[in-house]
Amino acid sequence: MLNALLMIVSAALIILTLLQGGKSDGISGAFTGNGGLNLFANVKERGSEKVISNITLILGVIFFILVIAIHIV
Protein backbone atom coordinates (compact mmCIF):
# COMPACT_ATOMS: atom_id res chain seq x y z
CA MET A 1 0.00 0.00 0.00
CA LEU A 2 2.71 2.47 1.00
CA ASN A 3 4.85 1.46 -1.98
CA ALA A 4 2.05 2.26 -4.43
CA LEU A 5 1.44 5.60 -2.73
CA LEU A 6 5.17 6.36 -2.90
CA MET A 7 5.20 5.65 -6.64
CA ILE A 8 2.22 7.95 -7.23
CA VAL A 9 3.78 10.76 -5.19
CA SER A 10 7.11 10.25 -6.99
CA ALA A 11 5.50 10.51 -10.42
CA ALA A 12 3.55 13.62 -9.42
CA LEU A 13 6.71 15.17 -7.98
CA ILE A 14 8.62 14.55 -11.21
CA ILE A 15 5.84 16.02 -13.34
CA LEU A 16 5.49 19.12 -11.17
CA THR A 17 9.25 19.65 -11.15
CA LEU A 18 9.32 19.53 -14.94
CA LEU A 19 6.42 22.00 -15.16
CA GLN A 20 8.30 24.63 -13.20
CA GLY A 21 9.89 27.40 -15.24
CA GLY A 22 13.58 28.16 -15.17
CA LYS A 23 14.61 30.94 -12.83
CA SER A 24 18.15 31.53 -14.14
CA ASP A 25 20.34 31.10 -17.19
CA GLY A 26 20.80 27.46 -16.36
CA ILE A 27 23.90 25.36 -15.91
CA SER A 28 25.55 26.75 -19.05
CA GLY A 29 25.55 30.23 -17.51
CA ALA A 30 27.33 28.86 -14.47
CA PHE A 31 30.18 27.41 -16.55
CA THR A 32 30.57 30.29 -18.99
CA GLY A 33 30.15 33.01 -16.40
CA ASN A 34 27.50 34.88 -18.38
CA GLY A 35 25.14 36.86 -16.19
CA GLY A 36 25.04 36.85 -12.44
CA LEU A 37 24.17 33.43 -11.11
CA ASN A 38 22.75 34.08 -7.66
CA LEU A 39 21.30 30.89 -6.24
CA PHE A 40 19.94 32.69 -3.19
CA ALA A 41 18.16 35.49 -5.05
CA ASN A 42 14.67 36.25 -3.80
CA VAL A 43 12.52 35.47 -6.84
CA LYS A 44 8.86 36.38 -6.49
CA GLU A 45 6.54 33.70 -7.78
CA ARG A 46 3.04 34.66 -8.77
CA GLY A 47 -0.09 32.91 -9.94
CA SER A 48 0.28 29.39 -11.22
CA GLU A 49 4.05 29.33 -10.58
CA LYS A 50 3.44 29.84 -6.88
CA VAL A 51 0.76 27.13 -6.77
CA ILE A 52 3.02 24.63 -8.57
CA SER A 53 5.93 25.53 -6.29
CA ASN A 54 3.84 25.08 -3.14
CA ILE A 55 2.41 21.74 -4.30
CA THR A 56 5.93 20.56 -5.19
CA LEU A 57 7.12 21.47 -1.69
CA ILE A 58 4.21 19.64 -0.07
CA LEU A 59 4.74 16.54 -2.23
CA GLY A 60 8.46 16.60 -1.40
CA VAL A 61 7.69 16.53 2.31
CA ILE A 62 5.14 13.72 1.79
CA PHE A 63 7.75 11.82 -0.25
CA PHE A 64 10.30 11.91 2.56
CA ILE A 65 7.70 10.96 5.17
CA LEU A 66 6.65 7.97 3.05
CA VAL A 67 10.25 6.85 2.55
CA ILE A 68 10.87 6.97 6.29
CA ALA A 69 7.57 5.17 7.00
CA ILE A 70 8.41 2.41 4.51
CA HIS A 71 11.86 2.00 6.03
CA ILE A 72 10.44 1.69 9.55
CA VAL A 73 7.68 -0.74 8.52
C-alpha atoms as a PDB file:
ATOM      1  CA  MET A   1       0.000   0.000   0.000  1.00  0.00           C
ATOM      2  CA  LEU A   2       2.715   2.468   0.996  1.00  0.00           C
ATOM      3  CA  ASN A   3       4.853   1.465  -1.983  1.00  0.00           C
ATOM      4  CA  ALA A   4       2.048   2.257  -4.425  1.00  0.00           C
ATOM      5  CA  LEU A   5       1.439   5.597  -2.731  1.00  0.00           C
ATOM      6  CA  LEU A   6       5.166   6.361  -2.903  1.00  0.00           C
ATOM      7  CA  MET A   7       5.197   5.650  -6.641  1.00  0.00           C
ATOM      8  CA  ILE A   8       2.223   7.953  -7.229  1.00  0.00           C
ATOM      9  CA  VAL A   9       3.785  10.756  -5.188  1.00  0.00           C
ATOM     10  CA  SER A  10       7.106  10.247  -6.986  1.00  0.00           C
ATOM     11  CA  ALA A  11       5.499  10.506 -10.423  1.00  0.00           C
ATOM     12  CA  ALA A  12       3.546  13.619  -9.419  1.00  0.00           C
ATOM     13  CA  LEU A  13       6.708  15.174  -7.982  1.00  0.00           C
ATOM     14  CA  ILE A  14       8.625  14.552 -11.212  1.00  0.00           C
ATOM     15  CA  ILE A  15       5.842  16.023 -13.345  1.00  0.00           C
ATOM     16  CA  LEU A  16       5.485  19.117 -11.166  1.00  0.00           C
ATOM     17  CA  THR A  17       9.245  19.649 -11.150  1.00  0.00           C
ATOM     18  CA  LEU A  18       9.317  19.531 -14.945  1.00  0.00           C
ATOM     19  CA  LEU A  19       6.416  21.996 -15.156  1.00  0.00           C
ATOM     20  CA  GLN A  20       8.303  24.633 -13.201  1.00  0.00           C
ATOM     21  CA  GLY A  21       9.892  27.401 -15.239  1.00  0.00           C
ATOM     22  CA  GLY A  22      13.580  28.158 -15.170  1.00  0.00           C
ATOM     23  CA  LYS A  23      14.612  30.944 -12.826  1.00  0.00           C
ATOM     24  CA  SER A  24      18.148  31.533 -14.137  1.00  0.00           C
ATOM     25  CA  ASP A  25      20.343  31.100 -17.189  1.00  0.00           C
ATOM     26  CA  GLY A  26      20.796  27.458 -16.356  1.00  0.00           C
ATOM     27  CA  ILE A  27      23.897  25.364 -15.913  1.00  0.00           C
ATOM     28  CA  SER A  28      25.554  26.755 -19.048  1.00  0.00           C
ATOM     29  CA  GLY A  29      25.553  30.225 -17.515  1.00  0.00           C
ATOM     30  CA  ALA A  30      27.333  28.863 -14.466  1.00  0.00           C
ATOM     31  CA  PHE A  31      30.175  27.413 -16.549  1.00  0.00           C
ATOM     32  CA  THR A  32      30.567  30.289 -18.993  1.00  0.00           C
ATOM     33  CA  GLY A  33      30.145  33.013 -16.399  1.00  0.00           C
ATOM     34  CA  ASN A  34      27.497  34.879 -18.384  1.00  0.00           C
ATOM     35  CA  GLY A  35      25.138  36.864 -16.191  1.00  0.00           C
ATOM     36  CA  GLY A  36      25.037  36.845 -12.441  1.00  0.00           C
ATOM     37  CA  LEU A  37      24.174  33.426 -11.106  1.00  0.00           C
ATOM     38  CA  ASN A  38      22.750  34.082  -7.662  1.00  0.00           C
ATOM     39  CA  LEU A  39      21.300  30.891  -6.236  1.00  0.00           C
ATOM     40  CA  PHE A  40      19.945  32.691  -3.190  1.00  0.00           C
ATOM     41  CA  ALA A  41      18.162  35.489  -5.048  1.00  0.00           C
ATOM     42  CA  ASN A  42      14.674  36.247  -3.799  1.00  0.00           C
ATOM     43  CA  VAL A  43      12.521  35.473  -6.839  1.00  0.00           C
ATOM     44  CA  LYS A  44       8.859  36.378  -6.490  1.00  0.00           C
ATOM     45  CA  GLU A  45       6.543  33.698  -7.784  1.00  0.00           C
ATOM     46  CA  ARG A  46       3.037  34.659  -8.773  1.00  0.00           C
ATOM     47  CA  GLY A  47      -0.091  32.910  -9.935  1.00  0.00           C
ATOM     48  CA  SER A  48       0.283  29.390 -11.220  1.00  0.00           C
ATOM     49  CA  GLU A  49       4.045  29.333 -10.577  1.00  0.00           C
ATOM     50  CA  LYS A  50       3.435  29.841  -6.875  1.00  0.00           C
ATOM     51  CA  VAL A  51       0.759  27.131  -6.766  1.00  0.00           C
ATOM     52  CA  ILE A  52       3.017  24.628  -8.572  1.00  0.00           C
ATOM     53  CA  SER A  53       5.926  25.534  -6.293  1.00  0.00           C
ATOM     54  CA  ASN A  54       3.843  25.078  -3.137  1.00  0.00           C
ATOM     55  CA  ILE A  55       2.408  21.736  -4.302  1.00  0.00           C
ATOM     56  CA  THR A  56       5.932  20.564  -5.187  1.00  0.00           C
ATOM     57  CA  LEU A  57       7.121  21.470  -1.694  1.00  0.00           C
ATOM     58  CA  ILE A  58       4.211  19.636  -0.067  1.00  0.00           C
ATOM     59  CA  LEU A  59       4.745  16.542  -2.234  1.00  0.00           C
ATOM     60  CA  GLY A  60       8.463  16.603  -1.404  1.00  0.00           C
ATOM     61  CA  VAL A  61       7.692  16.525   2.312  1.00  0.00           C
ATOM     62  CA  ILE A  62       5.139  13.720   1.793  1.00  0.00           C
ATOM     63  CA  PHE A  63       7.748  11.816  -0.250  1.00  0.00           C
ATOM     64  CA  PHE A  64      10.300  11.906   2.565  1.00  0.00           C
ATOM     65  CA  ILE A  65       7.696  10.961   5.174  1.00  0.00           C
ATOM     66  CA  LEU A  66       6.647   7.968   3.052  1.00  0.00           C
ATOM     67  CA  VAL A  67      10.252   6.854   2.555  1.00  0.00           C
ATOM     68  CA  ILE A  68      10.874   6.972   6.288  1.00  0.00           C
ATOM     69  CA  ALA A  69       7.574   5.174   7.003  1.00  0.00           C
ATOM     70  CA  ILE A  70       8.410   2.410   4.514  1.00  0.00           C
ATOM     71  CA  HIS A  71      11.864   2.002   6.028  1.00  0.00           C
ATOM     72  CA  ILE A  72      10.437   1.689   9.550  1.00  0.00           C
ATOM     73  CA  VAL A  73       7.683  -0.741   8.522  1.00  0.00           C
END
